[in-house]
Every structure is written in C-alpha cells, then in structure tokens.
Amino acid sequence: MSPDIAMVVGIIIAGFSIPSMMSALSDGRAPRASAVTILIAGGLIVYAVRTHPGGYRLEDLPQVFVRVVAQFI
C-alpha cells in the first residue's frame, strides 16, 4: 500500500469514527468500536508518515487527496 493511500484512508476512517464515538458517549455506552477504528486510523497515518520520504506537511494533504482520487478515476 502506498503511503498516500494509507494517509487518505486513515484520515477518512478517523473522520468517520469521531461521530460514532460522540454518539456512544452521549448514549452512555463505552465507545469500544470507535476506539478500535481510531487506533486503526492512527496506525495507517503513522505508517504513511514513516514510509513517505520526508514525511508529510499539513499543506501537502489536499494534494495527497487529489493524487489518490486521480489514481482511481
């Protein structure tokens, strides 16, 4: 898996897990599934940062999203 794809998938998974965590906390349930998905997302992001030469800067993320979407179109 390329670092760009890992970064994009990790950010998307993290984004989707935040509302799930908020829902579980507001219902008084333990956010177990959300915690697992955040760990997976964090692992993907760390993998992407460590394997990409020079790492990523915050300014690079929009270009990374565009490159990944362009690969699939």
Protein backbone atom coordinates (compact mmCIF):
# COMPACT_ATOMS: atom_id res chain seq x y z
CA MET A 1 0.00 0.00 0.00
CA SER A 2 1.41 3.36 -0.96
CA PRO A 3 1.86 5.94 1.79
CA ASP A 4 -0.55 8.33 0.05
CA ILE A 5 -3.37 5.78 0.06
CA ALA A 6 -2.66 4.87 3.68
CA MET A 7 -2.79 8.54 4.68
CA VAL A 8 -6.08 9.20 2.90
CA VAL A 9 -7.74 6.02 4.21
CA GLY A 10 -6.51 6.76 7.73
CA ILE A 11 -7.89 10.30 7.67
CA ILE A 12 -11.24 9.14 6.29
CA ILE A 13 -11.57 6.37 8.89
CA ALA A 14 -10.67 8.80 11.68
CA GLY A 15 -13.23 11.28 10.39
CA PHE A 16 -16.00 8.68 10.36
CA SER A 17 -15.14 7.33 13.81
CA ILE A 18 -15.48 10.68 15.61
CA PRO A 19 -19.30 10.92 15.21
CA SER A 20 -19.55 7.28 16.24
CA MET A 21 -17.57 7.99 19.38
CA MET A 22 -19.68 11.04 20.20
CA SER A 23 -22.86 9.01 19.72
CA ALA A 24 -21.66 6.26 22.04
CA LEU A 25 -20.62 8.74 24.71
CA SER A 26 -23.92 10.64 24.55
CA ASP A 27 -25.87 7.36 24.89
CA GLY A 28 -23.80 6.36 27.91
CA ARG A 29 -22.16 3.41 26.15
CA ALA A 30 -18.48 2.61 26.03
CA PRO A 31 -17.04 3.64 22.64
CA ARG A 32 -15.21 0.36 22.04
CA ALA A 33 -15.75 0.09 18.29
CA SER A 34 -14.87 3.76 17.81
CA ALA A 35 -11.70 3.36 19.83
CA VAL A 36 -10.63 0.41 17.68
CA THR A 37 -11.28 2.33 14.47
CA ILE A 38 -9.34 5.34 15.76
CA LEU A 39 -6.42 3.04 16.57
CA ILE A 40 -6.57 1.60 13.05
CA ALA A 41 -6.71 5.09 11.55
CA GLY A 42 -3.81 6.23 13.70
CA GLY A 43 -1.79 3.21 12.65
CA LEU A 44 -2.40 3.96 8.98
CA ILE A 45 -1.43 7.59 9.42
CA VAL A 46 1.74 6.70 11.32
CA TYR A 47 2.63 4.12 8.66
CA ALA A 48 2.15 6.73 5.94
CA VAL A 49 4.25 9.36 7.69
CA ARG A 50 7.07 6.94 8.45
CA THR A 51 7.27 5.38 4.96
CA HIS A 52 6.88 8.58 2.91
CA PRO A 53 10.29 10.11 2.23
CA GLY A 54 10.49 13.35 4.16
CA GLY A 55 7.10 12.82 5.80
CA TYR A 56 4.02 14.95 5.18
CA ARG A 57 3.29 18.56 5.89
CA LEU A 58 -0.17 19.89 6.58
CA GLU A 59 -0.06 21.82 3.31
CA ASP A 60 0.56 18.56 1.38
CA LEU A 61 -2.67 16.85 2.44
CA PRO A 62 -5.00 18.40 -0.18
CA GLN A 63 -2.56 17.37 -2.92
CA VAL A 64 -2.38 13.87 -1.46
CA PHE A 65 -6.18 13.56 -1.59
CA VAL A 66 -6.22 14.74 -5.21
CA ARG A 67 -3.47 12.28 -6.21
CA VAL A 68 -5.29 9.35 -4.61
CA VAL A 69 -8.63 10.24 -6.17
CA ALA A 70 -6.94 10.73 -9.55
CA GLN A 71 -5.47 7.21 -9.32
CA PHE A 72 -8.95 5.70 -9.05
CA ILE A 73 -10.63 7.80 -11.75
